[in-house]
Amino acid sequence: MSDLRYTKAPGLSTRPVEAAGSLMVFTPAKPKVHWPNLAGWYLFELSDGSGEEHIAAEYAEAVAGQIPRDEALLQARSCLADLARRGILVTTEA
């Protein structure tokens, strides 16, 4: 079980692009425009300082019936780590 907590990186510029089912995110610390998919957008919104397991469980509940729970949890953890690598989310230890 992870002790990581996820929050949105400071200074981001975001704009929802609902027609594309995506969120446009500009990261000023690493100047780049990112286009997280719908899952990434949802996980971004859930990242309010909550722990990885809590966020992953919320995601799994949201996609219940579409993919198996274990797969959803793995997908959420992987996506959270990717968003952090890209500078969209920051992590802290609980």
PDB file of N, CA and C in Angstrom:
ATOM      1  N   MET A   1       0.842  -1.182   0.000  1.00  0.00           N
ATOM      2  CA  MET A   1       0.000   0.000   0.000  1.00  0.00           C
ATOM      3  C   MET A   1       0.885   1.243   0.000  1.00  0.00           C
ATOM      4  N   SER A   2       0.509   2.205  -0.826  1.00  0.00           N
ATOM      5  CA  SER A   2       1.295   3.415  -0.995  1.00  0.00           C
ATOM      6  C   SER A   2       0.925   4.469   0.047  1.00  0.00           C
ATOM      7  N   ASP A   3       1.927   5.224   0.455  1.00  0.00           N
ATOM      8  CA  ASP A   3       1.699   6.353   1.359  1.00  0.00           C
ATOM      9  C   ASP A   3       1.670   7.673   0.601  1.00  0.00           C
ATOM     10  N   LEU A   4       1.712   7.624  -0.737  1.00  0.00           N
ATOM     11  CA  LEU A   4       1.755   8.841  -1.535  1.00  0.00           C
ATOM     12  C   LEU A   4       0.425   9.571  -1.524  1.00  0.00           C
ATOM     13  N   ARG A   5       0.528  10.888  -1.435  1.00  0.00           N
ATOM     14  CA  ARG A   5      -0.637  11.760  -1.566  1.00  0.00           C
ATOM     15  C   ARG A   5      -0.416  12.609  -2.815  1.00  0.00           C
ATOM     16  N   TYR A   6      -1.484  12.825  -3.557  1.00  0.00           N
ATOM     17  CA  TYR A   6      -1.395  13.567  -4.813  1.00  0.00           C
ATOM     18  C   TYR A   6      -2.153  14.886  -4.729  1.00  0.00           C
ATOM     19  N   THR A   7      -1.516  15.949  -5.223  1.00  0.00           N
ATOM     20  CA  THR A   7      -2.156  17.258  -5.343  1.00  0.00           C
ATOM     21  C   THR A   7      -1.791  17.846  -6.698  1.00  0.00           C
ATOM     22  N   LYS A   8      -2.582  18.785  -7.136  1.00  0.00           N
ATOM     23  CA  LYS A   8      -2.297  19.463  -8.400  1.00  0.00           C
ATOM     24  C   LYS A   8      -1.047  20.320  -8.225  1.00  0.00           C
ATOM     25  N   ALA A   9      -0.191  20.316  -9.233  1.00  0.00           N
ATOM     26  CA  ALA A   9       1.020  21.129  -9.192  1.00  0.00           C
ATOM     27  C   ALA A   9       0.634  22.608  -9.172  1.00  0.00           C
ATOM     28  N   PRO A  10       1.395  23.429  -8.471  1.00  0.00           N
ATOM     29  CA  PRO A  10       1.071  24.870  -8.426  1.00  0.00           C
ATOM     30  C   PRO A  10       1.324  25.539  -9.773  1.00  0.00           C
ATOM     31  N   GLY A  11       0.520  26.558 -10.064  1.00  0.00           N
ATOM     32  CA  GLY A  11       0.743  27.387 -11.244  1.00  0.00           C
ATOM     33  C   GLY A  11       0.245  26.820 -12.560  1.00  0.00           C
ATOM     34  N   LEU A  12      -0.478  25.719 -12.537  1.00  0.00           N
ATOM     35  CA  LEU A  12      -0.970  25.133 -13.782  1.00  0.00           C
ATOM     36  C   LEU A  12      -2.022  26.029 -14.417  1.00  0.00           C
ATOM     37  N   SER A  13      -2.065  25.998 -15.733  1.00  0.00           N
ATOM     38  CA  SER A  13      -3.175  26.599 -16.478  1.00  0.00           C
ATOM     39  C   SER A  13      -3.940  25.437 -17.080  1.00  0.00           C
ATOM     40  N   THR A  14      -5.242  25.389 -16.835  1.00  0.00           N
ATOM     41  CA  THR A  14      -6.046  24.280 -17.342  1.00  0.00           C
ATOM     42  C   THR A  14      -7.243  24.813 -18.120  1.00  0.00           C
ATOM     43  N   ARG A  15      -7.677  24.009 -19.064  1.00  0.00           N
ATOM     44  CA  ARG A  15      -8.874  24.331 -19.824  1.00  0.00           C
ATOM     45  C   ARG A  15      -9.514  23.023 -20.269  1.00  0.00           C
ATOM     46  N   PRO A  16     -10.768  22.796 -19.855  1.00  0.00           N
ATOM     47  CA  PRO A  16     -11.455  21.596 -20.327  1.00  0.00           C
ATOM     48  C   PRO A  16     -11.793  21.716 -21.817  1.00  0.00           C
ATOM     49  N   VAL A  17     -11.611  20.627 -22.534  1.00  0.00           N
ATOM     50  CA  VAL A  17     -11.986  20.548 -23.942  1.00  0.00           C
ATOM     51  C   VAL A  17     -12.967  19.392 -24.032  1.00  0.00           C
ATOM     52  N   GLU A  18     -14.212  19.696 -23.669  1.00  0.00           N
ATOM     53  CA  GLU A  18     -15.226  18.653 -23.531  1.00  0.00           C
ATOM     54  C   GLU A  18     -15.496  17.922 -24.837  1.00  0.00           C
ATOM     55  N   ALA A  19     -15.420  18.605 -25.956  1.00  0.00           N
ATOM     56  CA  ALA A  19     -15.676  17.959 -27.249  1.00  0.00           C
ATOM     57  C   ALA A  19     -14.653  16.854 -27.517  1.00  0.00           C
ATOM     58  N   ALA A  20     -13.460  17.007 -26.969  1.00  0.00           N
ATOM     59  CA  ALA A  20     -12.410  16.004 -27.142  1.00  0.00           C
ATOM     60  C   ALA A  20     -12.343  15.057 -25.950  1.00  0.00           C
ATOM     61  N   GLY A  21     -13.162  15.281 -24.925  1.00  0.00           N
ATOM     62  CA  GLY A  21     -13.120  14.448 -23.725  1.00  0.00           C
ATOM     63  C   GLY A  21     -11.770  14.521 -23.054  1.00  0.00           C
ATOM     64  N   SER A  22     -11.222  15.715 -23.013  1.00  0.00           N
ATOM     65  CA  SER A  22      -9.865  15.894 -22.520  1.00  0.00           C
ATOM     66  C   SER A  22      -9.748  17.196 -21.739  1.00  0.00           C
ATOM     67  N   LEU A  23      -8.670  17.287 -21.021  1.00  0.00           N
ATOM     68  CA  LEU A  23      -8.321  18.497 -20.295  1.00  0.00           C
ATOM     69  C   LEU A  23      -6.977  18.968 -20.824  1.00  0.00           C
ATOM     70  N   MET A  24      -6.893  20.218 -21.234  1.00  0.00           N
ATOM     71  CA  MET A  24      -5.619  20.784 -21.654  1.00  0.00           C
ATOM     72  C   MET A  24      -4.949  21.367 -20.413  1.00  0.00           C
ATOM     73  N   VAL A  25      -3.696  20.990 -20.184  1.00  0.00           N
ATOM     74  CA  VAL A  25      -2.950  21.452 -19.014  1.00  0.00           C
ATOM     75  C   VAL A  25      -1.603  22.005 -19.468  1.00  0.00           C
ATOM     76  N   PHE A  26      -1.319  23.234 -19.078  1.00  0.00           N
ATOM     77  CA  PHE A  26      -0.007  23.818 -19.328  1.00  0.00           C
ATOM     78  C   PHE A  26       0.774  23.786 -18.027  1.00  0.00           C
ATOM     79  N   THR A  27       1.967  23.194 -18.076  1.00  0.00           N
ATOM     80  CA  THR A  27       2.837  23.122 -16.904  1.00  0.00           C
ATOM     81  C   THR A  27       3.960  24.153 -17.070  1.00  0.00           C
ATOM     82  N   PRO A  28       3.907  25.255 -16.315  1.00  0.00           N
ATOM     83  CA  PRO A  28       4.929  26.291 -16.469  1.00  0.00           C
ATOM     84  C   PRO A  28       6.305  25.868 -15.956  1.00  0.00           C
ATOM     85  N   ALA A  29       6.362  24.991 -14.961  1.00  0.00           N
ATOM     86  CA  ALA A  29       7.653  24.569 -14.429  1.00  0.00           C
ATOM     87  C   ALA A  29       8.444  23.771 -15.471  1.00  0.00           C
ATOM     88  N   LYS A  30       7.731  22.978 -16.254  1.00  0.00           N
ATOM     89  CA  LYS A  30       8.305  22.247 -17.387  1.00  0.00           C
ATOM     90  C   LYS A  30       7.453  22.666 -18.575  1.00  0.00           C
ATOM     91  N   PRO A  31       7.766  23.799 -19.206  1.00  0.00           N
ATOM     92  CA  PRO A  31       6.855  24.378 -20.194  1.00  0.00           C
ATOM     93  C   PRO A  31       6.420  23.384 -21.274  1.00  0.00           C
ATOM     94  N   LYS A  32       5.164  23.003 -21.168  1.00  0.00           N
ATOM     95  CA  LYS A  32       4.597  22.068 -22.127  1.00  0.00           C
ATOM     96  C   LYS A  32       3.085  22.038 -21.946  1.00  0.00           C
ATOM     97  N   VAL A  33       2.377  21.766 -23.047  1.00  0.00           N
ATOM     98  CA  VAL A  33       0.934  21.564 -23.000  1.00  0.00           C
ATOM     99  C   VAL A  33       0.691  20.062 -23.006  1.00  0.00           C
ATOM    100  N   HIS A  34      -0.129  19.607 -22.080  1.00  0.00           N
ATOM    101  CA  HIS A  34      -0.465  18.180 -21.948  1.00  0.00           C
ATOM    102  C   HIS A  34      -1.950  18.006 -22.214  1.00  0.00           C
ATOM    103  N   TRP A  35      -2.306  16.824 -22.702  1.00  0.00           N
ATOM    104  CA  TRP A  35      -3.694  16.496 -23.006  1.00  0.00           C
ATOM    105  C   TRP A  35      -4.080  15.191 -22.323  1.00  0.00           C
ATOM    106  N   PRO A  36      -4.265  15.183 -21.004  1.00  0.00           N
ATOM    107  CA  PRO A  36      -4.696  13.947 -20.349  1.00  0.00           C
ATOM    108  C   PRO A  36      -6.043  13.484 -20.922  1.00  0.00           C
ATOM    109  N   ASN A  37      -6.202  12.174 -21.035  1.00  0.00           N
ATOM    110  CA  ASN A  37      -7.478  11.636 -21.508  1.00  0.00           C
ATOM    111  C   ASN A  37      -8.535  11.785 -20.418  1.00  0.00           C
ATOM    112  N   LEU A  38      -9.719  11.252 -20.667  1.00  0.00           N
ATOM    113  CA  LEU A  38     -10.824  11.409 -19.726  1.00  0.00           C
ATOM    114  C   LEU A  38     -10.497  10.810 -18.364  1.00  0.00           C
ATOM    115  N   ALA A  39      -9.840   9.648 -18.345  1.00  0.00           N
ATOM    116  CA  ALA A  39      -9.442   9.034 -17.068  1.00  0.00           C
ATOM    117  C   ALA A  39      -8.443   9.930 -16.335  1.00  0.00           C
ATOM    118  N   GLY A  40      -7.466  10.451 -17.072  1.00  0.00           N
ATOM    119  CA  GLY A  40      -6.481  11.346 -16.469  1.00  0.00           C
ATOM    120  C   GLY A  40      -7.111  12.612 -15.928  1.00  0.00           C
ATOM    121  N   TRP A  41      -8.094  13.124 -16.640  1.00  0.00           N
ATOM    122  CA  TRP A  41      -8.820  14.313 -16.204  1.00  0.00           C
ATOM    123  C   TRP A  41      -9.547  14.037 -14.897  1.00  0.00           C
ATOM    124  N   TYR A  42     -10.229  12.895 -14.831  1.00  0.00           N
ATOM    125  CA  TYR A  42     -10.965  12.539 -13.615  1.00  0.00           C
ATOM    126  C   TYR A  42     -10.001  12.363 -12.431  1.00  0.00           C
ATOM    127  N   LEU A  43      -8.901  11.675 -12.655  1.00  0.00           N
ATOM    128  CA  LEU A  43      -7.916  11.468 -11.584  1.00  0.00           C
ATOM    129  C   LEU A  43      -7.287  12.793 -11.166  1.00  0.00           C
ATOM    130  N   PHE A  44      -7.059  13.690 -12.113  1.00  0.00           N
ATOM    131  CA  PHE A  44      -6.556  15.034 -11.810  1.00  0.00           C
ATOM    132  C   PHE A  44      -7.510  15.740 -10.857  1.00  0.00           C
ATOM    133  N   GLU A  45      -8.800  15.665 -11.161  1.00  0.00           N
ATOM    134  CA  GLU A  45      -9.802  16.321 -10.319  1.00  0.00           C
ATOM    135  C   GLU A  45      -9.870  15.702  -8.925  1.00  0.00           C
ATOM    136  N   LEU A  46      -9.633  14.410  -8.806  1.00  0.00           N
ATOM    137  CA  LEU A  46      -9.653  13.736  -7.509  1.00  0.00           C
ATOM    138  C   LEU A  46      -8.417  14.030  -6.656  1.00  0.00           C
ATOM    139  N   SER A  47      -7.384  14.569  -7.277  1.00  0.00           N
ATOM    140  CA  SER A  47      -6.099  14.774  -6.596  1.00  0.00           C
ATOM    141  C   SER A  47      -6.130  16.056  -5.775  1.00  0.00           C
ATOM    142  N   ASP A  48      -6.661  15.932  -4.565  1.00  0.00           N
ATOM    143  CA  ASP A  48      -6.843  17.071  -3.675  1.00  0.00           C
ATOM    144  C   ASP A  48      -6.039  16.917  -2.388  1.00  0.00           C
ATOM    145  N   GLY A  49      -4.980  16.105  -2.463  1.00  0.00           N
ATOM    146  CA  GLY A  49      -4.190  15.818  -1.268  1.00  0.00           C
ATOM    147  C   GLY A  49      -4.529  14.463  -0.690  1.00  0.00           C
ATOM    148  N   SER A  50      -5.469  13.785  -1.312  1.00  0.00           N
ATOM    149  CA  SER A  50      -5.851  12.446  -0.859  1.00  0.00           C
ATOM    150  C   SER A  50      -4.751  11.440  -1.198  1.00  0.00           C
ATOM    151  N   GLY A  51      -4.806  10.317  -0.503  1.00  0.00           N
ATOM    152  CA  GLY A  51      -3.844   9.259  -0.730  1.00  0.00           C
ATOM    153  C   GLY A  51      -4.132   8.490  -2.007  1.00  0.00           C
ATOM    154  N   GLU A  52      -3.092   7.864  -2.521  1.00  0.00           N
ATOM    155  CA  GLU A  52      -3.183   7.105  -3.762  1.00  0.00           C
ATOM    156  C   GLU A  52      -4.282   6.036  -3.705  1.00  0.00           C
ATOM    157  N   GLU A  53      -4.347   5.313  -2.614  1.00  0.00           N
ATOM    158  CA  GLU A  53      -5.340   4.241  -2.505  1.00  0.00           C
ATOM    159  C   GLU A  53      -6.763   4.782  -2.509  1.00  0.00           C
ATOM    160  N   HIS A  54      -6.988   5.902  -1.852  1.00  0.00           N
ATOM    161  CA  HIS A  54      -8.309   6.523  -1.840  1.00  0.00           C
ATOM    162  C   HIS A  54      -8.710   6.980  -3.243  1.00  0.00           C
ATOM    163  N   ILE A  55      -7.791   7.648  -3.933  1.00  0.00           N
ATOM    164  CA  ILE A  55      -8.072   8.138  -5.281  1.00  0.00           C
ATOM    165  C   ILE A  55      -8.338   6.960  -6.219  1.00  0.00           C
ATOM    166  N   ALA A  56      -7.496   5.934  -6.137  1.00  0.00           N
ATOM    167  CA  ALA A  56      -7.671   4.760  -7.000  1.00  0.00           C
ATOM    168  C   ALA A  56      -9.006   4.079  -6.738  1.00  0.00           C
ATOM    169  N   ALA A  57      -9.409   3.998  -5.475  1.00  0.00           N
ATOM    170  CA  ALA A  57     -10.691   3.372  -5.131  1.00  0.00           C
ATOM    171  C   ALA A  57     -11.861   4.197  -5.680  1.00  0.00           C
ATOM    172  N   GLU A  58     -11.762   5.518  -5.607  1.00  0.00           N
ATOM    173  CA  GLU A  58     -12.818   6.384  -6.157  1.00  0.00           C
ATOM    174  C   GLU A  58     -12.925   6.187  -7.666  1.00  0.00           C
ATOM    175  N   TYR A  59     -11.778   6.089  -8.327  1.00  0.00           N
ATOM    176  CA  TYR A  59     -11.768   5.853  -9.773  1.00  0.00           C
ATOM    177  C   TYR A  59     -12.400   4.506 -10.095  1.00  0.00           C
ATOM    178  N   ALA A  60     -12.001   3.460  -9.355  1.00  0.00           N
ATOM    179  CA  ALA A  60     -12.540   2.121  -9.590  1.00  0.00           C
ATOM    180  C   ALA A  60     -14.053   2.101  -9.420  1.00  0.00           C
ATOM    181  N   GLU A  61     -14.545   2.842  -8.451  1.00  0.00           N
ATOM    182  CA  GLU A  61     -15.997   2.922  -8.237  1.00  0.00           C
ATOM    183  C   GLU A  61     -16.683   3.617  -9.412  1.00  0.00           C
ATOM    184  N   ALA A  62     -16.028   4.646  -9.953  1.00  0.00           N
ATOM    185  CA  ALA A  62     -16.611   5.400 -11.067  1.00  0.00           C
ATOM    186  C   ALA A  62     -16.702   4.567 -12.345  1.00  0.00           C
ATOM    187  N   VAL A  63     -15.765   3.644 -12.534  1.00  0.00           N
ATOM    188  CA  VAL A  63     -15.760   2.828 -13.757  1.00  0.00           C
ATOM    189  C   VAL A  63     -16.278   1.414 -13.509  1.00  0.00           C
ATOM    190  N   ALA A  64     -16.867   1.184 -12.344  1.00  0.00           N
ATOM    191  CA  ALA A  64     -17.416  -0.138 -12.015  1.00  0.00           C
ATOM    192  C   ALA A  64     -18.399  -0.571 -13.100  1.00  0.00           C
ATOM    193  N   GLY A  65     -18.309  -1.823 -13.482  1.00  0.00           N
ATOM    194  CA  GLY A  65     -19.163  -2.351 -14.531  1.00  0.00           C
ATOM    195  C   GLY A  65     -18.567  -2.199 -15.916  1.00  0.00           C
ATOM    196  N   GLN A  66     -17.556  -1.336 -16.050  1.00  0.00           N
ATOM    197  CA  GLN A  66     -16.896  -1.153 -17.342  1.00  0.00           C
ATOM    198  C   GLN A  66     -15.617  -1.976 -17.426  1.00  0.00           C
ATOM    199  N   ILE A  67     -14.860  -1.994 -16.324  1.00  0.00           N
ATOM    200  CA  ILE A  67     -13.646  -2.817 -16.247  1.00  0.00           C
ATOM    201  C   ILE A  67     -13.576  -3.427 -14.852  1.00  0.00           C
ATOM    202  N   PRO A  68     -12.898  -4.568 -14.714  1.00  0.00           N
ATOM    203  CA  PRO A  68     -12.791  -5.189 -13.387  1.00  0.00           C
ATOM    204  C   PRO A  68     -12.082  -4.259 -12.397  1.00  0.00           C
ATOM    205  N   ARG A  69     -12.462  -4.360 -11.132  1.00  0.00           N
ATOM    206  CA  ARG A  69     -11.926  -3.484 -10.082  1.00  0.00           C
ATOM    207  C   ARG A  69     -10.396  -3.521 -10.008  1.00  0.00           C
ATOM    208  N   ASP A  70      -9.804  -4.720 -10.039  1.00  0.00           N
ATOM    209  CA  ASP A  70      -8.341  -4.810  -9.953  1.00  0.00           C
ATOM    210  C   ASP A  70      -7.665  -4.081 -11.107  1.00  0.00           C
ATOM    211  N   GLU A  71      -8.240  -4.213 -12.288  1.00  0.00           N
ATOM    212  CA  GLU A  71      -7.690  -3.525 -13.456  1.00  0.00           C
ATOM    213  C   GLU A  71      -7.843  -2.011 -13.315  1.00  0.00           C
ATOM    214  N   ALA A  72      -8.988  -1.577 -12.798  1.00  0.00           N
ATOM    215  CA  ALA A  72      -9.220  -0.142 -12.594  1.00  0.00           C
ATOM    216  C   ALA A  72      -8.229   0.440 -11.587  1.00  0.00           C
ATOM    217  N   LEU A  73      -7.969  -0.297 -10.514  1.00  0.00           N
ATOM    218  CA  LEU A  73      -7.013   0.183  -9.505  1.00  0.00           C
ATOM    219  C   LEU A  73      -5.615   0.316 -10.106  1.00  0.00           C
ATOM    220  N   LEU A  74      -5.196  -0.675 -10.896  1.00  0.00           N
ATOM    221  CA  LEU A  74      -3.877  -0.607 -11.543  1.00  0.00           C
ATOM    222  C   LEU A  74      -3.820   0.552 -12.527  1.00  0.00           C
ATOM    223  N   GLN A  75      -4.895   0.721 -13.300  1.00  0.00           N
ATOM    224  CA  GLN A  75      -4.962   1.807 -14.270  1.00  0.00           C
ATOM    225  C   GLN A  75      -4.853   3.162 -13.569  1.00  0.00           C
ATOM    226  N   ALA A  76      -5.554   3.320 -12.468  1.00  0.00           N
ATOM    227  CA  ALA A  76      -5.524   4.584 -11.729  1.00  0.00           C
ATOM    228  C   ALA A  76      -4.130   4.866 -11.181  1.00  0.00           C
ATOM    229  N   ARG A  77      -3.508   3.883 -10.569  1.00  0.00           N
ATOM    230  CA  ARG A  77      -2.155   4.085 -10.009  1.00  0.00           C
ATOM    231  C   ARG A  77      -1.161   4.455 -11.103  1.00  0.00           C
ATOM    232  N   SER A  78      -1.257   3.773 -12.235  1.00  0.00           N
ATOM    233  CA  SER A  78      -0.353   4.048 -13.349  1.00  0.00           C
ATOM    234  C   SER A  78      -0.561   5.459 -13.895  1.00  0.00           C
ATOM    235  N   CYS A  79      -1.809   5.857 -14.032  1.00  0.00           N
ATOM    236  CA  CYS A  79      -2.124   7.183 -14.548  1.00  0.00           C
ATOM    237  C   CYS A  79      -1.679   8.276 -13.573  1.00  0.00           C
ATOM    238  N   LEU A  80      -1.891   8.069 -12.280  1.00  0.00           N
ATOM    239  CA  LEU A  80      -1.444   9.043 -11.282  1.00  0.00           C
ATOM    240  C   LEU A  80       0.071   9.226 -11.361  1.00  0.00           C
ATOM    241  N   ALA A  81       0.804   8.129 -11.471  1.00  0.00           N
ATOM    242  CA  ALA A  81       2.265   8.204 -11.568  1.00  0.00           C
ATOM    243  C   ALA A  81       2.679   8.952 -12.835  1.00  0.00           C
ATOM    244  N   ASP A  82       1.968   8.712 -13.940  1.00  0.00           N
ATOM    245  CA  ASP A  82       2.273   9.394 -15.193  1.00  0.00           C
ATOM    246  C   ASP A  82       2.009  10.893 -15.072  1.00  0.00           C
ATOM    247  N   LEU A  83       0.894  11.265 -14.471  1.00  0.00           N
ATOM    248  CA  LEU A  83       0.591  12.686 -14.280  1.00  0.00           C
ATOM    249  C   LEU A  83       1.646  13.354 -13.401  1.00  0.00           C
ATOM    250  N   ALA A  84       2.151  12.648 -12.417  1.00  0.00           N
ATOM    251  CA  ALA A  84       3.215  13.191 -11.561  1.00  0.00           C
ATOM    252  C   ALA A  84       4.522  13.330 -12.352  1.00  0.00           C
ATOM    253  N   ARG A  85       4.845  12.329 -13.158  1.00  0.00           N
ATOM    254  CA  ARG A  85       6.077  12.399 -13.984  1.00  0.00           C
ATOM    255  C   ARG A  85       6.032  13.598 -14.924  1.00  0.00           C
ATOM    256  N   ARG A  86       4.853  13.921 -15.412  1.00  0.00           N
ATOM    257  CA  ARG A  86       4.707  15.027 -16.355  1.00  0.00           C
ATOM    258  C   ARG A  86       4.622  16.393 -15.668  1.00  0.00           C
ATOM    259  N   GLY A  87       4.633  16.404 -14.331  1.00  0.00           N
ATOM    260  CA  GLY A  87       4.596  17.671 -13.596  1.00  0.00           C
ATOM    261  C   GLY A  87       3.210  18.246 -13.431  1.00  0.00           C
ATOM    262  N   ILE A  88       2.178  17.442 -13.700  1.00  0.00           N
ATOM    263  CA  ILE A  88       0.799  17.899 -13.562  1.00  0.00           C
ATOM    264  C   ILE A  88       0.342  17.726 -12.114  1.00  0.00           C
ATOM    265  N   LEU A  89       0.800  16.666 -11.481  1.00  0.00           N
ATOM    266  CA  LEU A  89       0.532  16.409 -10.073  1.00  0.00           C
ATOM    267  C   LEU A  89       1.841  16.392  -9.301  1.00  0.00           C
ATOM    268  N   VAL A  90       1.776  16.698  -8.030  1.00  0.00           N
ATOM    269  CA  VAL A  90       2.934  16.554  -7.152  1.00  0.00           C
ATOM    270  C   VAL A  90       2.565  15.567  -6.063  1.00  0.00           C
ATOM    271  N   THR A  91       3.564  14.876  -5.559  1.00  0.00           N
ATOM    272  CA  THR A  91       3.336  13.875  -4.512  1.00  0.00           C
ATOM    273  C   THR A  91       4.019  14.282  -3.220  1.00  0.00           C
ATOM    274  N   THR A  92       3.431  13.844  -2.143  1.00  0.00           N
ATOM    275  CA  THR A  92       4.029  13.988  -0.822  1.00  0.00           C
ATOM    276  C   THR A  92       3.834  12.660  -0.109  1.00  0.00           C
ATOM    277  N   GLU A  93       4.682  12.387   0.853  1.00  0.00           N
ATOM    278  CA  GLU A  93       4.537  11.181   1.667  1.00  0.00           C
ATOM    279  C   GLU A  93       3.567  11.474   2.806  1.00  0.00           C
ATOM    280  N   ALA A  94       2.715  10.510   3.074  1.00  0.00           N
ATOM    281  CA  ALA A  94       1.740  10.675   4.161  1.00  0.00           C
ATOM    282  C   ALA A  94       2.426  10.573   5.512  1.00  0.00           C
TER     283      ALA A  94
END
